């Protein structure tokens, strides 16, 4: 069987750690800790480490129990 893939457009593929913390109710330290432990995908843009929202969304879609 061919597996059907969906394309989802994300308005913001990356977001600052500060903004992600505001939207999730976490502290910036908690967000930083999740990134350092590898629980939250990130991408370095220049000198700033951003939360990789596109990778996080793809990870959620790839979960087996998502379907």
C-alpha atoms as a PDB file:
ATOM      1  CA  UNK A   1       0.000   0.000   0.000  1.00  0.00           C
ATOM      2  CA  UNK A   2       1.159   3.502  -0.764  1.00  0.00           C
ATOM      3  CA  UNK A   3       1.365   5.700   2.268  1.00  0.00           C
ATOM      4  CA  UNK A   4      -0.422   9.000   1.789  1.00  0.00           C
ATOM      5  CA  UNK A   5       1.549  12.075   2.847  1.00  0.00           C
ATOM      6  CA  UNK A   6       0.033  15.372   3.866  1.00  0.00           C
ATOM      7  CA  UNK A   7       1.601  18.754   3.341  1.00  0.00           C
ATOM      8  CA  UNK A   8       1.029  21.259   6.083  1.00  0.00           C
ATOM      9  CA  UNK A   9       2.062  24.872   5.685  1.00  0.00           C
ATOM     10  CA  UNK A  10       3.345  26.561   8.796  1.00  0.00           C
ATOM     11  CA  UNK A  11       3.333  30.343   8.915  1.00  0.00           C
ATOM     12  CA  UNK A  12       6.356  30.427  11.218  1.00  0.00           C
ATOM     13  CA  UNK A  13       8.854  27.584  10.717  1.00  0.00           C
ATOM     14  CA  UNK A  14      11.059  28.850  13.584  1.00  0.00           C
ATOM     15  CA  UNK A  15      10.327  30.905  16.682  1.00  0.00           C
ATOM     16  CA  UNK A  16      12.384  32.523  19.402  1.00  0.00           C
ATOM     17  CA  UNK A  17      12.765  30.682  22.674  1.00  0.00           C
ATOM     18  CA  UNK A  18      11.169  33.657  24.414  1.00  0.00           C
ATOM     19  CA  UNK A  19       8.073  33.603  22.187  1.00  0.00           C
ATOM     20  CA  UNK A  20       7.745  29.814  22.455  1.00  0.00           C
ATOM     21  CA  UNK A  21       7.896  30.138  26.250  1.00  0.00           C
ATOM     22  CA  UNK A  22       5.162  32.785  26.185  1.00  0.00           C
ATOM     23  CA  UNK A  23       2.883  30.659  23.998  1.00  0.00           C
ATOM     24  CA  UNK A  24       3.367  27.443  25.972  1.00  0.00           C
ATOM     25  CA  UNK A  25       3.424  28.870  29.473  1.00  0.00           C
ATOM     26  CA  UNK A  26       6.922  27.541  30.108  1.00  0.00           C
ATOM     27  CA  UNK A  27       9.806  29.611  31.404  1.00  0.00           C
ATOM     28  CA  UNK A  28      12.662  30.447  29.061  1.00  0.00           C
ATOM     29  CA  UNK A  29      14.890  28.262  31.240  1.00  0.00           C
ATOM     30  CA  UNK A  30      12.551  25.300  30.766  1.00  0.00           C
ATOM     31  CA  UNK A  31      12.547  25.820  26.999  1.00  0.00           C
ATOM     32  CA  UNK A  32      16.345  26.064  26.975  1.00  0.00           C
ATOM     33  CA  UNK A  33      16.560  22.883  29.062  1.00  0.00           C
ATOM     34  CA  UNK A  34      14.280  20.998  26.671  1.00  0.00           C
ATOM     35  CA  UNK A  35      16.453  22.090  23.759  1.00  0.00           C
ATOM     36  CA  UNK A  36      19.670  21.073  25.543  1.00  0.00           C
ATOM     37  CA  UNK A  37      18.231  17.639  26.366  1.00  0.00           C
ATOM     38  CA  UNK A  38      17.086  17.139  22.766  1.00  0.00           C
ATOM     39  CA  UNK A  39      13.379  17.083  23.620  1.00  0.00           C
ATOM     40  CA  UNK A  40      12.657  20.228  21.627  1.00  0.00           C
ATOM     41  CA  UNK A  41      14.112  20.651  18.119  1.00  0.00           C
ATOM     42  CA  UNK A  42      16.080  23.812  17.484  1.00  0.00           C
ATOM     43  CA  UNK A  43      17.931  25.577  14.726  1.00  0.00           C
ATOM     44  CA  UNK A  44      20.724  28.096  15.057  1.00  0.00           C
ATOM     45  CA  UNK A  45      20.085  31.253  13.037  1.00  0.00           C
ATOM     46  CA  UNK A  46      23.180  33.401  13.216  1.00  0.00           C
ATOM     47  CA  UNK A  47      24.050  33.522  16.912  1.00  0.00           C
ATOM     48  CA  UNK A  48      20.509  32.834  18.114  1.00  0.00           C
ATOM     49  CA  UNK A  49      19.106  29.353  18.803  1.00  0.00           C
ATOM     50  CA  UNK A  50      15.464  29.215  17.655  1.00  0.00           C
ATOM     51  CA  UNK A  51      12.787  26.604  18.317  1.00  0.00           C
ATOM     52  CA  UNK A  52      12.255  24.634  15.096  1.00  0.00           C
ATOM     53  CA  UNK A  53       8.448  24.653  14.877  1.00  0.00           C
ATOM     54  CA  UNK A  54       8.469  22.901  11.487  1.00  0.00           C
ATOM     55  CA  UNK A  55      10.457  19.937  12.879  1.00  0.00           C
ATOM     56  CA  UNK A  56       8.298  19.843  16.007  1.00  0.00           C
ATOM     57  CA  UNK A  57       5.126  19.723  13.881  1.00  0.00           C
ATOM     58  CA  UNK A  58       6.569  16.986  11.657  1.00  0.00           C
ATOM     59  CA  UNK A  59       7.594  14.978  14.721  1.00  0.00           C
ATOM     60  CA  UNK A  60       4.024  15.199  16.041  1.00  0.00           C
ATOM     61  CA  UNK A  61       2.598  14.064  12.688  1.00  0.00           C
ATOM     62  CA  UNK A  62       5.008  11.138  12.528  1.00  0.00           C
ATOM     63  CA  UNK A  63       3.876   9.737  15.875  1.00  0.00           C
ATOM     64  CA  UNK A  64       2.236   6.340  15.445  1.00  0.00           C
ATOM     65  CA  UNK A  65      -0.741   7.178  17.616  1.00  0.00           C
ATOM     66  CA  UNK A  66      -1.467  10.385  15.646  1.00  0.00           C
ATOM     67  CA  UNK A  67      -3.577   8.561  13.050  1.00  0.00           C
END
